[in-house]
Structures are given as C-alpha cells and as structure tokens.
Amino acid sequence: MKGGGCKESFVAWELCMQEAESKKEDLVEKCYQVTGRLMACMEQHADYYEPILRAEKAMKEEVARGLEQDRGGPSEAITD
C-alpha cells in the first residue's frame, strides 16, 4: 500500500484506525472520511491498486450473497 500513489492516504487511514482502536472508538464512525479518501485515491491509481480493489469488490459481492441467503431471496448487489 505504501509503494503506490496513495501512500499518504494510507498512512492517514492507518493512523486513524490505530487511534480509534487505542481509544476504543467506533472505527467506522471515526475513520469513514479517511477511508473514503483512501478508496478514491486507490480508484484514481487503479493500475497499481487493482488487485486490492478486485479483492474488495469480491468481498462486497460475498457479503451481498450472504445477506441474500439470510433473507431467503435475491437482493441487490452492494455497489460503490
């Protein structure tokens, strides 16, 4: 992550996550803006971060399938 064009965004995200964990704060609530900036940066540098973006997409699809199974029917896919 630190080797591509999003090093600064990643370091900021990493620090936010560490701080939230150390203070026992909600990670999502505290770091959602930093996470959004990191994701936007990764999409702008998709040539470098493509494997990570692909894994994230696969994870979202898996979660959507799990939710669909839990509800007993089809659901809309989770998208960005």
PDB file of N, CA and C in Angstrom:
ATOM      1  N   MET A   1       0.807  -1.205   0.000  1.00  0.00           N
ATOM      2  CA  MET A   1       0.000   0.000   0.000  1.00  0.00           C
ATOM      3  C   MET A   1       0.846   1.262   0.000  1.00  0.00           C
ATOM      4  N   LYS A   2       1.980   1.188   0.655  1.00  0.00           N
ATOM      5  CA  LYS A   2       2.810   2.385   0.775  1.00  0.00           C
ATOM      6  C   LYS A   2       3.693   2.606  -0.454  1.00  0.00           C
ATOM      7  N   GLY A   3       3.664   1.682  -1.396  1.00  0.00           N
ATOM      8  CA  GLY A   3       4.517   1.802  -2.560  1.00  0.00           C
ATOM      9  C   GLY A   3       3.883   2.553  -3.717  1.00  0.00           C
ATOM     10  N   GLY A   4       2.580   2.751  -3.682  1.00  0.00           N
ATOM     11  CA  GLY A   4       1.885   3.400  -4.789  1.00  0.00           C
ATOM     12  C   GLY A   4       1.615   4.859  -4.517  1.00  0.00           C
ATOM     13  N   GLY A   5       0.750   5.418  -5.329  1.00  0.00           N
ATOM     14  CA  GLY A   5       0.436   6.830  -5.258  1.00  0.00           C
ATOM     15  C   GLY A   5      -0.440   7.230  -4.083  1.00  0.00           C
ATOM     16  N   CYS A   6      -0.875   6.266  -3.288  1.00  0.00           N
ATOM     17  CA  CYS A   6      -1.777   6.561  -2.167  1.00  0.00           C
ATOM     18  C   CYS A   6      -1.099   6.385  -0.815  1.00  0.00           C
ATOM     19  N   LYS A   7       0.201   6.504  -0.788  1.00  0.00           N
ATOM     20  CA  LYS A   7       0.932   6.316   0.464  1.00  0.00           C
ATOM     21  C   LYS A   7       0.408   7.245   1.557  1.00  0.00           C
ATOM     22  N   GLU A   8       0.275   8.533   1.252  1.00  0.00           N
ATOM     23  CA  GLU A   8      -0.169   9.494   2.267  1.00  0.00           C
ATOM     24  C   GLU A   8      -1.572   9.174   2.758  1.00  0.00           C
ATOM     25  N   SER A   9      -2.465   8.821   1.850  1.00  0.00           N
ATOM     26  CA  SER A   9      -3.832   8.470   2.241  1.00  0.00           C
ATOM     27  C   SER A   9      -3.845   7.212   3.101  1.00  0.00           C
ATOM     28  N   PHE A  10      -3.006   6.250   2.740  1.00  0.00           N
ATOM     29  CA  PHE A  10      -2.945   5.011   3.509  1.00  0.00           C
ATOM     30  C   PHE A  10      -2.393   5.256   4.910  1.00  0.00           C
ATOM     31  N   VAL A  11      -1.343   6.042   5.013  1.00  0.00           N
ATOM     32  CA  VAL A  11      -0.756   6.338   6.323  1.00  0.00           C
ATOM     33  C   VAL A  11      -1.777   7.060   7.206  1.00  0.00           C
ATOM     34  N   ALA A  12      -2.524   7.998   6.634  1.00  0.00           N
ATOM     35  CA  ALA A  12      -3.558   8.705   7.394  1.00  0.00           C
ATOM     36  C   ALA A  12      -4.637   7.736   7.859  1.00  0.00           C
ATOM     37  N   TRP A  13      -5.042   6.809   7.002  1.00  0.00           N
ATOM     38  CA  TRP A  13      -6.043   5.802   7.358  1.00  0.00           C
ATOM     39  C   TRP A  13      -5.517   4.897   8.466  1.00  0.00           C
ATOM     40  N   GLU A  14      -4.287   4.454   8.312  1.00  0.00           N
ATOM     41  CA  GLU A  14      -3.670   3.571   9.298  1.00  0.00           C
ATOM     42  C   GLU A  14      -3.599   4.243  10.676  1.00  0.00           C
ATOM     43  N   LEU A  15      -3.190   5.509  10.702  1.00  0.00           N
ATOM     44  CA  LEU A  15      -3.110   6.246  11.968  1.00  0.00           C
ATOM     45  C   LEU A  15      -4.492   6.420  12.591  1.00  0.00           C
ATOM     46  N   CYS A  16      -5.491   6.709  11.774  1.00  0.00           N
ATOM     47  CA  CYS A  16      -6.859   6.859  12.263  1.00  0.00           C
ATOM     48  C   CYS A  16      -7.334   5.552  12.902  1.00  0.00           C
ATOM     49  N   MET A  17      -7.089   4.446  12.226  1.00  0.00           N
ATOM     50  CA  MET A  17      -7.513   3.151  12.746  1.00  0.00           C
ATOM     51  C   MET A  17      -6.808   2.835  14.066  1.00  0.00           C
ATOM     52  N   GLN A  18      -5.505   3.091  14.130  1.00  0.00           N
ATOM     53  CA  GLN A  18      -4.755   2.830  15.356  1.00  0.00           C
ATOM     54  C   GLN A  18      -5.275   3.685  16.511  1.00  0.00           C
ATOM     55  N   GLU A  19      -5.538   4.947  16.223  1.00  0.00           N
ATOM     56  CA  GLU A  19      -6.038   5.844  17.258  1.00  0.00           C
ATOM     57  C   GLU A  19      -7.419   5.404  17.752  1.00  0.00           C
ATOM     58  N   ALA A  20      -8.282   5.035  16.827  1.00  0.00           N
ATOM     59  CA  ALA A  20      -9.625   4.581  17.205  1.00  0.00           C
ATOM     60  C   ALA A  20      -9.543   3.313  18.054  1.00  0.00           C
ATOM     61  N   GLU A  21      -8.682   2.397  17.667  1.00  0.00           N
ATOM     62  CA  GLU A  21      -8.532   1.161  18.441  1.00  0.00           C
ATOM     63  C   GLU A  21      -7.996   1.447  19.835  1.00  0.00           C
ATOM     64  N   SER A  22      -6.996   2.306  19.922  1.00  0.00           N
ATOM     65  CA  SER A  22      -6.395   2.586  21.228  1.00  0.00           C
ATOM     66  C   SER A  22      -7.362   3.299  22.167  1.00  0.00           C
ATOM     67  N   LYS A  23      -8.289   4.085  21.598  1.00  0.00           N
ATOM     68  CA  LYS A  23      -9.262   4.805  22.416  1.00  0.00           C
ATOM     69  C   LYS A  23     -10.603   4.073  22.496  1.00  0.00           C
ATOM     70  N   LYS A  24     -10.626   2.860  21.898  1.00  0.00           N
ATOM     71  CA  LYS A  24     -11.839   2.038  21.877  1.00  0.00           C
ATOM     72  C   LYS A  24     -13.034   2.792  21.274  1.00  0.00           C
ATOM     73  N   GLU A  25     -12.742   3.531  20.202  1.00  0.00           N
ATOM     74  CA  GLU A  25     -13.784   4.267  19.477  1.00  0.00           C
ATOM     75  C   GLU A  25     -14.297   3.416  18.328  1.00  0.00           C
ATOM     76  N   ASP A  26     -15.441   3.788  17.805  1.00  0.00           N
ATOM     77  CA  ASP A  26     -16.006   3.104  16.651  1.00  0.00           C
ATOM     78  C   ASP A  26     -15.139   3.403  15.431  1.00  0.00           C
ATOM     79  N   LEU A  27     -14.542   2.365  14.854  1.00  0.00           N
ATOM     80  CA  LEU A  27     -13.628   2.528  13.717  1.00  0.00           C
ATOM     81  C   LEU A  27     -14.321   3.145  12.509  1.00  0.00           C
ATOM     82  N   VAL A  28     -15.509   2.667  12.204  1.00  0.00           N
ATOM     83  CA  VAL A  28     -16.224   3.151  11.019  1.00  0.00           C
ATOM     84  C   VAL A  28     -16.593   4.618  11.186  1.00  0.00           C
ATOM     85  N   GLU A  29     -17.172   4.926  12.334  1.00  0.00           N
ATOM     86  CA  GLU A  29     -17.605   6.306  12.567  1.00  0.00           C
ATOM     87  C   GLU A  29     -16.424   7.272  12.560  1.00  0.00           C
ATOM     88  N   LYS A  30     -15.353   6.904  13.221  1.00  0.00           N
ATOM     89  CA  LYS A  30     -14.202   7.794  13.338  1.00  0.00           C
ATOM     90  C   LYS A  30     -13.468   7.958  12.004  1.00  0.00           C
ATOM     91  N   CYS A  31     -13.352   6.894  11.249  1.00  0.00           N
ATOM     92  CA  CYS A  31     -12.446   6.901  10.090  1.00  0.00           C
ATOM     93  C   CYS A  31     -13.147   6.844   8.733  1.00  0.00           C
ATOM     94  N   TYR A  32     -14.457   7.061   8.693  1.00  0.00           N
ATOM     95  CA  TYR A  32     -15.135   6.910   7.407  1.00  0.00           C
ATOM     96  C   TYR A  32     -14.659   7.913   6.360  1.00  0.00           C
ATOM     97  N   GLN A  33     -14.351   9.144   6.762  1.00  0.00           N
ATOM     98  CA  GLN A  33     -13.886  10.129   5.777  1.00  0.00           C
ATOM     99  C   GLN A  33     -12.497   9.773   5.261  1.00  0.00           C
ATOM    100  N   VAL A  34     -11.620   9.357   6.153  1.00  0.00           N
ATOM    101  CA  VAL A  34     -10.265   8.966   5.758  1.00  0.00           C
ATOM    102  C   VAL A  34     -10.331   7.734   4.857  1.00  0.00           C
ATOM    103  N   THR A  35     -11.226   6.803   5.190  1.00  0.00           N
ATOM    104  CA  THR A  35     -11.399   5.606   4.369  1.00  0.00           C
ATOM    105  C   THR A  35     -11.898   5.988   2.978  1.00  0.00           C
ATOM    106  N   GLY A  36     -12.837   6.910   2.908  1.00  0.00           N
ATOM    107  CA  GLY A  36     -13.351   7.366   1.619  1.00  0.00           C
ATOM    108  C   GLY A  36     -12.271   7.996   0.754  1.00  0.00           C
ATOM    109  N   ARG A  37     -11.417   8.810   1.382  1.00  0.00           N
ATOM    110  CA  ARG A  37     -10.314   9.431   0.629  1.00  0.00           C
ATOM    111  C   ARG A  37      -9.338   8.368   0.125  1.00  0.00           C
ATOM    112  N   LEU A  38      -9.058   7.368   0.959  1.00  0.00           N
ATOM    113  CA  LEU A  38      -8.155   6.298   0.544  1.00  0.00           C
ATOM    114  C   LEU A  38      -8.751   5.523  -0.631  1.00  0.00           C
ATOM    115  N   MET A  39     -10.027   5.181  -0.542  1.00  0.00           N
ATOM    116  CA  MET A  39     -10.663   4.436  -1.632  1.00  0.00           C
ATOM    117  C   MET A  39     -10.687   5.252  -2.924  1.00  0.00           C
ATOM    118  N   ALA A  40     -10.982   6.541  -2.825  1.00  0.00           N
ATOM    119  CA  ALA A  40     -10.993   7.399  -4.015  1.00  0.00           C
ATOM    120  C   ALA A  40      -9.597   7.451  -4.638  1.00  0.00           C
ATOM    121  N   CYS A  41      -8.588   7.558  -3.801  1.00  0.00           N
ATOM    122  CA  CYS A  41      -7.214   7.578  -4.300  1.00  0.00           C
ATOM    123  C   CYS A  41      -6.868   6.265  -4.993  1.00  0.00           C
ATOM    124  N   MET A  42      -7.255   5.162  -4.368  1.00  0.00           N
ATOM    125  CA  MET A  42      -6.969   3.857  -4.971  1.00  0.00           C
ATOM    126  C   MET A  42      -7.648   3.705  -6.320  1.00  0.00           C
ATOM    127  N   GLU A  43      -8.861   4.226  -6.446  1.00  0.00           N
ATOM    128  CA  GLU A  43      -9.556   4.159  -7.727  1.00  0.00           C
ATOM    129  C   GLU A  43      -8.867   5.039  -8.770  1.00  0.00           C
ATOM    130  N   GLN A  44      -8.310   6.174  -8.335  1.00  0.00           N
ATOM    131  CA  GLN A  44      -7.574   7.039  -9.254  1.00  0.00           C
ATOM    132  C   GLN A  44      -6.267   6.386  -9.705  1.00  0.00           C
ATOM    133  N   HIS A  45      -5.733   5.494  -8.899  1.00  0.00           N
ATOM    134  CA  HIS A  45      -4.492   4.779  -9.212  1.00  0.00           C
ATOM    135  C   HIS A  45      -4.786   3.286  -9.380  1.00  0.00           C
ATOM    136  N   ALA A  46      -5.874   2.995 -10.066  1.00  0.00           N
ATOM    137  CA  ALA A  46      -6.350   1.613 -10.192  1.00  0.00           C
ATOM    138  C   ALA A  46      -5.331   0.697 -10.854  1.00  0.00           C
ATOM    139  N   ASP A  47      -4.482   1.231 -11.699  1.00  0.00           N
ATOM    140  CA  ASP A  47      -3.486   0.381 -12.335  1.00  0.00           C
ATOM    141  C   ASP A  47      -2.574  -0.265 -11.292  1.00  0.00           C
ATOM    142  N   TYR A  48      -2.244   0.449 -10.235  1.00  0.00           N
ATOM    143  CA  TYR A  48      -1.376  -0.068  -9.178  1.00  0.00           C
ATOM    144  C   TYR A  48      -2.174  -0.876  -8.148  1.00  0.00           C
ATOM    145  N   TYR A  49      -3.353  -0.380  -7.780  1.00  0.00           N
ATOM    146  CA  TYR A  49      -4.127  -0.971  -6.689  1.00  0.00           C
ATOM    147  C   TYR A  49      -5.192  -1.958  -7.158  1.00  0.00           C
ATOM    148  N   GLU A  50      -5.203  -2.301  -8.424  1.00  0.00           N
ATOM    149  CA  GLU A  50      -6.232  -3.172  -8.985  1.00  0.00           C
ATOM    150  C   GLU A  50      -6.417  -4.475  -8.214  1.00  0.00           C
ATOM    151  N   PRO A  51      -5.370  -5.182  -7.800  1.00  0.00           N
ATOM    152  CA  PRO A  51      -5.606  -6.424  -7.045  1.00  0.00           C
ATOM    153  C   PRO A  51      -6.369  -6.193  -5.740  1.00  0.00           C
ATOM    154  N   ILE A  52      -6.096  -5.100  -5.065  1.00  0.00           N
ATOM    155  CA  ILE A  52      -6.782  -4.800  -3.813  1.00  0.00           C
ATOM    156  C   ILE A  52      -8.233  -4.409  -4.091  1.00  0.00           C
ATOM    157  N   LEU A  53      -8.449  -3.588  -5.103  1.00  0.00           N
ATOM    158  CA  LEU A  53      -9.808  -3.186  -5.468  1.00  0.00           C
ATOM    159  C   LEU A  53     -10.630  -4.399  -5.894  1.00  0.00           C
ATOM    160  N   ARG A  54     -10.008  -5.322  -6.612  1.00  0.00           N
ATOM    161  CA  ARG A  54     -10.706  -6.538  -7.046  1.00  0.00           C
ATOM    162  C   ARG A  54     -11.101  -7.385  -5.831  1.00  0.00           C
ATOM    163  N   ALA A  55     -10.190  -7.513  -4.863  1.00  0.00           N
ATOM    164  CA  ALA A  55     -10.488  -8.280  -3.651  1.00  0.00           C
ATOM    165  C   ALA A  55     -11.620  -7.626  -2.860  1.00  0.00           C
ATOM    166  N   GLU A  56     -11.601  -6.308  -2.775  1.00  0.00           N
ATOM    167  CA  GLU A  56     -12.667  -5.585  -2.061  1.00  0.00           C
ATOM    168  C   GLU A  56     -14.016  -5.816  -2.739  1.00  0.00           C
ATOM    169  N   LYS A  57     -14.029  -5.762  -4.061  1.00  0.00           N
ATOM    170  CA  LYS A  57     -15.270  -5.991  -4.798  1.00  0.00           C
ATOM    171  C   LYS A  57     -15.778  -7.405  -4.559  1.00  0.00           C
ATOM    172  N   ALA A  58     -14.889  -8.391  -4.583  1.00  0.00           N
ATOM    173  CA  ALA A  58     -15.283  -9.778  -4.346  1.00  0.00           C
ATOM    174  C   ALA A  58     -15.849  -9.944  -2.938  1.00  0.00           C
ATOM    175  N   MET A  59     -15.255  -9.268  -1.970  1.00  0.00           N
ATOM    176  CA  MET A  59     -15.741  -9.346  -0.594  1.00  0.00           C
ATOM    177  C   MET A  59     -17.146  -8.757  -0.495  1.00  0.00           C
ATOM    178  N   LYS A  60     -17.382  -7.602  -1.136  1.00  0.00           N
ATOM    179  CA  LYS A  60     -18.715  -6.987  -1.119  1.00  0.00           C
ATOM    180  C   LYS A  60     -19.742  -7.917  -1.755  1.00  0.00           C
ATOM    181  N   GLU A  61     -19.359  -8.568  -2.850  1.00  0.00           N
ATOM    182  CA  GLU A  61     -20.273  -9.487  -3.514  1.00  0.00           C
ATOM    183  C   GLU A  61     -20.588 -10.679  -2.628  1.00  0.00           C
ATOM    184  N   GLU A  62     -19.597 -11.175  -1.908  1.00  0.00           N
ATOM    185  CA  GLU A  62     -19.801 -12.296  -0.990  1.00  0.00           C
ATOM    186  C   GLU A  62     -20.743 -11.904   0.146  1.00  0.00           C
ATOM    187  N   VAL A  63     -20.559 -10.701   0.686  1.00  0.00           N
ATOM    188  CA  VAL A  63     -21.454 -10.204   1.737  1.00  0.00           C
ATOM    189  C   VAL A  63     -22.875 -10.102   1.198  1.00  0.00           C
ATOM    190  N   ALA A  64     -23.026  -9.588  -0.011  1.00  0.00           N
ATOM    191  CA  ALA A  64     -24.355  -9.458  -0.611  1.00  0.00           C
ATOM    192  C   ALA A  64     -25.001 -10.829  -0.778  1.00  0.00           C
ATOM    193  N   ARG A  65     -24.224 -11.828  -1.211  1.00  0.00           N
ATOM    194  CA  ARG A  65     -24.767 -13.185  -1.343  1.00  0.00           C
ATOM    195  C   ARG A  65     -25.185 -13.735   0.021  1.00  0.00           C
ATOM    196  N   GLY A  66     -24.391 -13.478   1.043  1.00  0.00           N
ATOM    197  CA  GLY A  66     -24.733 -13.933   2.389  1.00  0.00           C
ATOM    198  C   GLY A  66     -26.007 -13.300   2.888  1.00  0.00           C
ATOM    199  N   LEU A  67     -26.165 -12.012   2.644  1.00  0.00           N
ATOM    200  CA  LEU A  67     -27.397 -11.322   3.041  1.00  0.00           C
ATOM    201  C   LEU A  67     -28.591 -11.882   2.286  1.00  0.00           C
ATOM    202  N   GLU A  68     -28.373 -12.172   1.024  1.00  0.00           N
ATOM    203  CA  GLU A  68     -29.441 -12.728   0.196  1.00  0.00           C
ATOM    204  C   GLU A  68     -29.882 -14.077   0.753  1.00  0.00           C
ATOM    205  N   GLN A  69     -28.934 -14.905   1.135  1.00  0.00           N
ATOM    206  CA  GLN A  69     -29.261 -16.217   1.690  1.00  0.00           C
ATOM    207  C   GLN A  69     -29.961 -16.080   3.034  1.00  0.00           C
ATOM    208  N   ASP A  70     -29.517 -15.129   3.853  1.00  0.00           N
ATOM    209  CA  ASP A  70     -30.139 -14.903   5.154  1.00  0.00           C
ATOM    210  C   ASP A  70     -31.591 -14.473   5.012  1.00  0.00           C
ATOM    211  N   ARG A  71     -31.887 -13.704   3.976  1.00  0.00           N
ATOM    212  CA  ARG A  71     -33.252 -13.213   3.753  1.00  0.00           C
ATOM    213  C   ARG A  71     -34.107 -14.223   3.013  1.00  0.00           C
ATOM    214  N   GLY A  72     -33.446 -15.200   2.423  1.00  0.00           N
ATOM    215  CA  GLY A  72     -34.183 -16.219   1.690  1.00  0.00           C
ATOM    216  C   GLY A  72     -34.600 -15.808   0.303  1.00  0.00           C
ATOM    217  N   GLY A  73     -33.946 -14.804  -0.254  1.00  0.00           N
ATOM    218  CA  GLY A  73     -34.312 -14.376  -1.594  1.00  0.00           C
ATOM    219  C   GLY A  73     -33.254 -13.491  -2.193  1.00  0.00           C
ATOM    220  N   PRO A  74     -33.465 -13.101  -3.441  1.00  0.00           N
ATOM    221  CA  PRO A  74     -32.473 -12.247  -4.110  1.00  0.00           C
ATOM    222  C   PRO A  74     -32.438 -10.847  -3.525  1.00  0.00           C
ATOM    223  N   SER A  75     -31.253 -10.263  -3.568  1.00  0.00           N
ATOM    224  CA  SER A  75     -31.098  -8.880  -3.138  1.00  0.00           C
ATOM    225  C   SER A  75     -30.252  -8.160  -4.162  1.00  0.00           C
ATOM    226  N   GLU A  76     -30.288  -6.830  -4.094  1.00  0.00           N
ATOM    227  CA  GLU A  76     -29.455  -6.054  -4.999  1.00  0.00           C
ATOM    228  C   GLU A  76     -28.022  -6.151  -4.539  1.00  0.00           C
ATOM    229  N   ALA A  77     -27.104  -6.186  -5.464  1.00  0.00           N
ATOM    230  CA  ALA A  77     -25.688  -6.239  -5.141  1.00  0.00           C
ATOM    231  C   ALA A  77     -25.248  -4.942  -4.490  1.00  0.00           C
ATOM    232  N   ILE A  78     -24.297  -5.044  -3.595  1.00  0.00           N
ATOM    233  CA  ILE A  78     -23.729  -3.868  -2.965  1.00  0.00           C
ATOM    234  C   ILE A  78     -22.776  -3.234  -3.956  1.00  0.00           C
ATOM    235  N   THR A  79     -22.952  -1.952  -4.205  1.00  0.00           N
ATOM    236  CA  THR A  79     -22.072  -1.247  -5.137  1.00  0.00           C
ATOM    237  C   THR A  79     -21.487  -0.028  -4.467  1.00  0.00           C
ATOM    238  N   ASP A  80     -20.481   0.518  -5.090  1.00  0.00           N
ATOM    239  CA  ASP A  80     -19.820   1.715  -4.551  1.00  0.00           C
ATOM    240  C   ASP A  80     -20.677   2.926  -4.750  1.00  0.00           C
TER     241      ASP A  80
END
